[in-house]
């Protein structure tokens, strides 16, 4: 388990508090057998839609870089992650993934006018150790802050990132700072 840690993307709100749903997400993720890195919340005061990408670039990458020689791979997960009942760490191991894979997402859109399919919800993404250096370059080469799921959609489009056929995770219901309304996750 500790050879495949999850880094959770989360933040401090204006009152310097973590989101209410975070404890439920962490508890559920641990119950499912996953190892979670110590929480490093951000407190960015930028467009909320850019916070996830900035968190990955400025917090997750340096955190993983310090432990990369001691792990086999790592996960990136949103703080509202809710792993479904039919999935756990042993199921992940049995998948024998050897390429970066998007395991938990909300929906895949195929816009006819877009250059690539757009996938929403980067709830759970796995990156094998041997892809870390390339991942770091890809994220550092992105010229501007963008939605993190748009960044991962680009990686899917260039065939760097696989997407499993059926998502194994969803989101806990919560207030979205991006959409300024309640996100109706299937789990409260």
C-alpha atoms as a PDB file:
ATOM      1  CA  UNK A   1       0.000   0.000   0.000  1.00  0.00           C
ATOM      2  CA  UNK A   2       2.686   2.491   0.968  1.00  0.00           C
ATOM      3  CA  UNK A   3       4.407   1.818  -2.346  1.00  0.00           C
ATOM      4  CA  UNK A   4       1.384   3.443  -4.041  1.00  0.00           C
ATOM      5  CA  UNK A   5       0.473   6.555  -2.002  1.00  0.00           C
ATOM      6  CA  UNK A   6      -2.296   9.002  -2.805  1.00  0.00           C
ATOM      7  CA  UNK A   7      -1.710  12.745  -2.718  1.00  0.00           C
ATOM      8  CA  UNK A   8      -4.977  14.512  -1.949  1.00  0.00           C
ATOM      9  CA  UNK A   9      -5.642  17.894  -3.584  1.00  0.00           C
ATOM     10  CA  UNK A  10      -7.301  20.106  -0.993  1.00  0.00           C
ATOM     11  CA  UNK A  11      -7.279  23.634   0.351  1.00  0.00           C
ATOM     12  CA  UNK A  12      -7.799  25.913   3.333  1.00  0.00           C
ATOM     13  CA  UNK A  13     -10.865  28.113   3.038  1.00  0.00           C
ATOM     14  CA  UNK A  14     -11.039  31.809   3.976  1.00  0.00           C
ATOM     15  CA  UNK A  15     -11.347  30.785   7.653  1.00  0.00           C
ATOM     16  CA  UNK A  16      -8.187  28.654   7.378  1.00  0.00           C
ATOM     17  CA  UNK A  17     -10.246  25.459   7.682  1.00  0.00           C
ATOM     18  CA  UNK A  18     -10.169  22.290   5.590  1.00  0.00           C
ATOM     19  CA  UNK A  19     -13.343  21.328   3.685  1.00  0.00           C
ATOM     20  CA  UNK A  20     -15.982  19.534   5.760  1.00  0.00           C
ATOM     21  CA  UNK A  21     -16.082  16.551   3.391  1.00  0.00           C
ATOM     22  CA  UNK A  22     -12.337  15.841   3.586  1.00  0.00           C
ATOM     23  CA  UNK A  23     -12.449  13.653   6.719  1.00  0.00           C
ATOM     24  CA  UNK A  24     -15.141  11.436   5.169  1.00  0.00           C
ATOM     25  CA  UNK A  25     -13.088  11.082   1.991  1.00  0.00           C
ATOM     26  CA  UNK A  26      -9.900  10.217   3.884  1.00  0.00           C
ATOM     27  CA  UNK A  27     -11.683   7.687   6.080  1.00  0.00           C
ATOM     28  CA  UNK A  28     -13.345   6.008   3.099  1.00  0.00           C
ATOM     29  CA  UNK A  29     -10.073   5.899   1.130  1.00  0.00           C
ATOM     30  CA  UNK A  30      -8.211   4.282   4.035  1.00  0.00           C
ATOM     31  CA  UNK A  31     -11.056   1.770   4.535  1.00  0.00           C
ATOM     32  CA  UNK A  32     -10.543   0.778   0.901  1.00  0.00           C
ATOM     33  CA  UNK A  33      -6.904  -0.073   1.707  1.00  0.00           C
ATOM     34  CA  UNK A  34      -5.136   2.914   0.170  1.00  0.00           C
ATOM     35  CA  UNK A  35      -2.229   4.803   1.728  1.00  0.00           C
ATOM     36  CA  UNK A  36      -2.520   8.597   1.891  1.00  0.00           C
ATOM     37  CA  UNK A  37       0.385  11.018   2.018  1.00  0.00           C
ATOM     38  CA  UNK A  38       0.279  13.694   4.730  1.00  0.00           C
ATOM     39  CA  UNK A  39      -2.205  16.385   3.708  1.00  0.00           C
ATOM     40  CA  UNK A  40      -0.654  19.559   2.288  1.00  0.00           C
ATOM     41  CA  UNK A  41      -3.516  21.970   1.779  1.00  0.00           C
ATOM     42  CA  UNK A  42      -3.091  25.046  -0.376  1.00  0.00           C
ATOM     43  CA  UNK A  43      -4.522  28.487   0.234  1.00  0.00           C
ATOM     44  CA  UNK A  44      -4.426  29.918  -3.275  1.00  0.00           C
ATOM     45  CA  UNK A  45      -6.481  33.020  -3.950  1.00  0.00           C
ATOM     46  CA  UNK A  46      -6.727  32.559  -7.699  1.00  0.00           C
ATOM     47  CA  UNK A  47      -9.549  31.350  -9.947  1.00  0.00           C
ATOM     48  CA  UNK A  48     -10.802  28.195  -8.190  1.00  0.00           C
ATOM     49  CA  UNK A  49     -10.780  26.297 -11.500  1.00  0.00           C
ATOM     50  CA  UNK A  50      -6.982  26.681 -11.651  1.00  0.00           C
ATOM     51  CA  UNK A  51      -6.215  25.608  -8.084  1.00  0.00           C
ATOM     52  CA  UNK A  52      -6.061  21.858  -8.800  1.00  0.00           C
ATOM     53  CA  UNK A  53      -3.490  22.253 -11.568  1.00  0.00           C
ATOM     54  CA  UNK A  54      -1.392  24.673  -9.504  1.00  0.00           C
ATOM     55  CA  UNK A  55      -1.575  22.313  -6.518  1.00  0.00           C
ATOM     56  CA  UNK A  56      -0.306  19.401  -8.605  1.00  0.00           C
ATOM     57  CA  UNK A  57       2.505  21.476 -10.109  1.00  0.00           C
ATOM     58  CA  UNK A  58       3.621  23.295  -6.961  1.00  0.00           C
ATOM     59  CA  UNK A  59       2.801  20.830  -4.158  1.00  0.00           C
ATOM     60  CA  UNK A  60       2.263  17.290  -5.466  1.00  0.00           C
ATOM     61  CA  UNK A  61       5.252  17.155  -7.841  1.00  0.00           C
ATOM     62  CA  UNK A  62       7.821  18.295  -5.211  1.00  0.00           C
ATOM     63  CA  UNK A  63       6.236  15.984  -2.605  1.00  0.00           C
ATOM     64  CA  UNK A  64       6.469  12.950  -4.911  1.00  0.00           C
ATOM     65  CA  UNK A  65       9.964  13.899  -6.041  1.00  0.00           C
ATOM     66  CA  UNK A  66      11.188  13.463  -2.435  1.00  0.00           C
ATOM     67  CA  UNK A  67       9.883   9.878  -2.207  1.00  0.00           C
ATOM     68  CA  UNK A  68      10.047   8.679  -5.820  1.00  0.00           C
ATOM     69  CA  UNK A  69      12.852   6.181  -5.128  1.00  0.00           C
ATOM     70  CA  UNK A  70      10.781   4.520  -2.390  1.00  0.00           C
ATOM     71  CA  UNK A  71       7.508   4.001  -4.283  1.00  0.00           C
ATOM     72  CA  UNK A  72       6.223   2.052  -7.290  1.00  0.00           C
ATOM     73  CA  UNK A  73       3.738   4.707  -8.366  1.00  0.00           C
ATOM     74  CA  UNK A  74       1.349   7.277  -6.948  1.00  0.00           C
ATOM     75  CA  UNK A  75      -2.171   8.591  -7.191  1.00  0.00           C
ATOM     76  CA  UNK A  76      -3.516  12.100  -7.478  1.00  0.00           C
ATOM     77  CA  UNK A  77      -7.004  12.530  -6.037  1.00  0.00           C
ATOM     78  CA  UNK A  78      -9.407  15.364  -5.412  1.00  0.00           C
ATOM     79  CA  UNK A  79     -10.314  15.977  -1.786  1.00  0.00           C
ATOM     80  CA  UNK A  80     -13.937  14.969  -2.422  1.00  0.00           C
ATOM     81  CA  UNK A  81     -12.911  11.475  -3.613  1.00  0.00           C
ATOM     82  CA  UNK A  82     -15.375   8.673  -2.888  1.00  0.00           C
ATOM     83  CA  UNK A  83     -14.207   5.218  -3.990  1.00  0.00           C
ATOM     84  CA  UNK A  84     -17.125   2.998  -4.993  1.00  0.00           C
ATOM     85  CA  UNK A  85     -18.089  -0.115  -3.017  1.00  0.00           C
ATOM     86  CA  UNK A  86     -16.870  -2.550  -5.657  1.00  0.00           C
ATOM     87  CA  UNK A  87     -13.272  -1.262  -5.682  1.00  0.00           C
ATOM     88  CA  UNK A  88     -10.368  -1.391  -3.240  1.00  0.00           C
ATOM     89  CA  UNK A  89      -6.578  -1.430  -3.185  1.00  0.00           C
ATOM     90  CA  UNK A  90      -6.387  -5.185  -3.935  1.00  0.00           C
ATOM     91  CA  UNK A  91      -8.557  -4.633  -7.024  1.00  0.00           C
ATOM     92  CA  UNK A  92      -6.140  -1.919  -8.136  1.00  0.00           C
ATOM     93  CA  UNK A  93      -3.142  -4.265  -7.719  1.00  0.00           C
ATOM     94  CA  UNK A  94      -4.922  -6.997  -9.697  1.00  0.00           C
ATOM     95  CA  UNK A  95      -5.303  -4.578 -12.635  1.00  0.00           C
ATOM     96  CA  UNK A  96      -1.501  -4.648 -13.106  1.00  0.00           C
ATOM     97  CA  UNK A  97      -1.440  -1.147 -14.587  1.00  0.00           C
ATOM     98  CA  UNK A  98       1.856  -0.193 -16.210  1.00  0.00           C
ATOM     99  CA  UNK A  99       0.742   3.080 -17.824  1.00  0.00           C
ATOM    100  CA  UNK A 100      -0.739   6.274 -16.319  1.00  0.00           C
ATOM    101  CA  UNK A 101      -4.457   5.645 -15.903  1.00  0.00           C
ATOM    102  CA  UNK A 102      -7.502   7.748 -15.060  1.00  0.00           C
ATOM    103  CA  UNK A 103      -9.464   5.510 -12.682  1.00  0.00           C
ATOM    104  CA  UNK A 104     -12.037   7.872 -11.223  1.00  0.00           C
ATOM    105  CA  UNK A 105     -13.905  10.469 -13.280  1.00  0.00           C
ATOM    106  CA  UNK A 106     -17.366  11.936 -13.692  1.00  0.00           C
ATOM    107  CA  UNK A 107     -18.069  11.847 -17.411  1.00  0.00           C
ATOM    108  CA  UNK A 108     -16.451  11.714 -20.847  1.00  0.00           C
ATOM    109  CA  UNK A 109     -17.773  14.300 -23.286  1.00  0.00           C
ATOM    110  CA  UNK A 110     -17.179  14.002 -27.013  1.00  0.00           C
ATOM    111  CA  UNK A 111     -17.652  17.529 -28.282  1.00  0.00           C
ATOM    112  CA  UNK A 112     -17.771  17.677 -32.051  1.00  0.00           C
ATOM    113  CA  UNK A 113     -16.159  21.112 -32.026  1.00  0.00           C
ATOM    114  CA  UNK A 114     -13.371  20.245 -29.560  1.00  0.00           C
ATOM    115  CA  UNK A 115      -9.914  19.073 -30.550  1.00  0.00           C
ATOM    116  CA  UNK A 116     -10.132  16.234 -28.048  1.00  0.00           C
ATOM    117  CA  UNK A 117     -12.664  14.518 -25.779  1.00  0.00           C
ATOM    118  CA  UNK A 118     -13.133  16.335 -22.507  1.00  0.00           C
ATOM    119  CA  UNK A 119     -13.245  14.293 -19.337  1.00  0.00           C
ATOM    120  CA  UNK A 120     -14.530  15.857 -16.127  1.00  0.00           C
ATOM    121  CA  UNK A 121     -13.618  14.990 -12.582  1.00  0.00           C
ATOM    122  CA  UNK A 122     -10.046  13.954 -11.887  1.00  0.00           C
ATOM    123  CA  UNK A 123     -11.130  12.010  -8.809  1.00  0.00           C
ATOM    124  CA  UNK A 124      -8.394   9.389  -8.996  1.00  0.00           C
ATOM    125  CA  UNK A 125      -5.432   9.227 -11.371  1.00  0.00           C
ATOM    126  CA  UNK A 126      -2.588   6.714 -11.162  1.00  0.00           C
ATOM    127  CA  UNK A 127       0.968   7.489 -12.349  1.00  0.00           C
ATOM    128  CA  UNK A 128       3.568   4.662 -12.338  1.00  0.00           C
ATOM    129  CA  UNK A 129       7.001   5.588 -11.013  1.00  0.00           C
ATOM    130  CA  UNK A 130       8.706   5.243 -14.400  1.00  0.00           C
ATOM    131  CA  UNK A 131       6.388   7.939 -15.835  1.00  0.00           C
ATOM    132  CA  UNK A 132       7.074  10.510 -13.122  1.00  0.00           C
ATOM    133  CA  UNK A 133       9.861  12.454 -14.894  1.00  0.00           C
ATOM    134  CA  UNK A 134       7.785  12.746 -18.060  1.00  0.00           C
ATOM    135  CA  UNK A 135       4.706  13.754 -16.055  1.00  0.00           C
ATOM    136  CA  UNK A 136       6.715  16.436 -14.289  1.00  0.00           C
ATOM    137  CA  UNK A 137       7.888  17.786 -17.670  1.00  0.00           C
ATOM    138  CA  UNK A 138       4.377  17.748 -19.121  1.00  0.00           C
ATOM    139  CA  UNK A 139       2.922  19.695 -16.230  1.00  0.00           C
ATOM    140  CA  UNK A 140       5.841  22.151 -16.054  1.00  0.00           C
ATOM    141  CA  UNK A 141       5.694  22.713 -19.824  1.00  0.00           C
ATOM    142  CA  UNK A 142       2.030  23.763 -19.676  1.00  0.00           C
ATOM    143  CA  UNK A 143       2.279  27.509 -20.461  1.00  0.00           C
ATOM    144  CA  UNK A 144      -0.529  28.660 -18.150  1.00  0.00           C
ATOM    145  CA  UNK A 145      -2.778  27.564 -15.334  1.00  0.00           C
ATOM    146  CA  UNK A 146      -5.737  25.529 -16.605  1.00  0.00           C
ATOM    147  CA  UNK A 147      -8.482  23.270 -15.280  1.00  0.00           C
ATOM    148  CA  UNK A 148      -6.721  20.130 -14.068  1.00  0.00           C
ATOM    149  CA  UNK A 149      -9.228  17.876 -15.813  1.00  0.00           C
ATOM    150  CA  UNK A 150      -8.542  19.698 -19.094  1.00  0.00           C
ATOM    151  CA  UNK A 151      -4.839  19.057 -18.576  1.00  0.00           C
ATOM    152  CA  UNK A 152      -5.484  15.348 -17.986  1.00  0.00           C
ATOM    153  CA  UNK A 153      -7.890  15.269 -20.966  1.00  0.00           C
ATOM    154  CA  UNK A 154      -5.018  16.535 -23.139  1.00  0.00           C
ATOM    155  CA  UNK A 155      -2.817  13.728 -21.842  1.00  0.00           C
ATOM    156  CA  UNK A 156      -5.537  11.240 -22.765  1.00  0.00           C
ATOM    157  CA  UNK A 157      -5.828  12.755 -26.240  1.00  0.00           C
ATOM    158  CA  UNK A 158      -2.086  12.396 -26.905  1.00  0.00           C
ATOM    159  CA  UNK A 159      -2.354   8.790 -25.622  1.00  0.00           C
ATOM    160  CA  UNK A 160      -0.099   9.400 -22.630  1.00  0.00           C
ATOM    161  CA  UNK A 161      -2.915   8.638 -20.176  1.00  0.00           C
ATOM    162  CA  UNK A 162      -5.373   5.752 -20.352  1.00  0.00           C
ATOM    163  CA  UNK A 163      -8.955   5.985 -19.105  1.00  0.00           C
ATOM    164  CA  UNK A 164     -10.703   2.898 -17.760  1.00  0.00           C
ATOM    165  CA  UNK A 165     -14.114   2.100 -19.255  1.00  0.00           C
ATOM    166  CA  UNK A 166     -16.078   2.573 -16.047  1.00  0.00           C
ATOM    167  CA  UNK A 167     -15.094   4.985 -13.285  1.00  0.00           C
ATOM    168  CA  UNK A 168     -14.340   3.415  -9.902  1.00  0.00           C
ATOM    169  CA  UNK A 169     -14.911   6.642  -7.961  1.00  0.00           C
ATOM    170  CA  UNK A 170     -17.186   9.619  -7.646  1.00  0.00           C
ATOM    171  CA  UNK A 171     -17.438  12.694  -5.480  1.00  0.00           C
ATOM    172  CA  UNK A 172     -18.896  13.448  -2.097  1.00  0.00           C
ATOM    173  CA  UNK A 173     -21.661  16.044  -2.261  1.00  0.00           C
ATOM    174  CA  UNK A 174     -20.193  19.458  -1.501  1.00  0.00           C
ATOM    175  CA  UNK A 175     -20.247  23.152  -2.301  1.00  0.00           C
ATOM    176  CA  UNK A 176     -18.098  23.847  -5.365  1.00  0.00           C
ATOM    177  CA  UNK A 177     -15.933  26.948  -5.325  1.00  0.00           C
ATOM    178  CA  UNK A 178     -15.575  26.596  -9.096  1.00  0.00           C
ATOM    179  CA  UNK A 179     -19.291  26.496  -9.909  1.00  0.00           C
ATOM    180  CA  UNK A 180     -20.467  28.477  -6.857  1.00  0.00           C
ATOM    181  CA  UNK A 181     -23.170  25.939  -6.084  1.00  0.00           C
ATOM    182  CA  UNK A 182     -23.696  22.567  -4.445  1.00  0.00           C
ATOM    183  CA  UNK A 183     -22.220  19.646  -6.425  1.00  0.00           C
ATOM    184  CA  UNK A 184     -24.609  16.755  -6.121  1.00  0.00           C
ATOM    185  CA  UNK A 185     -22.318  13.834  -5.581  1.00  0.00           C
ATOM    186  CA  UNK A 186     -23.972  10.488  -5.037  1.00  0.00           C
ATOM    187  CA  UNK A 187     -22.513  10.367  -1.557  1.00  0.00           C
ATOM    188  CA  UNK A 188     -23.230  12.705   1.341  1.00  0.00           C
END
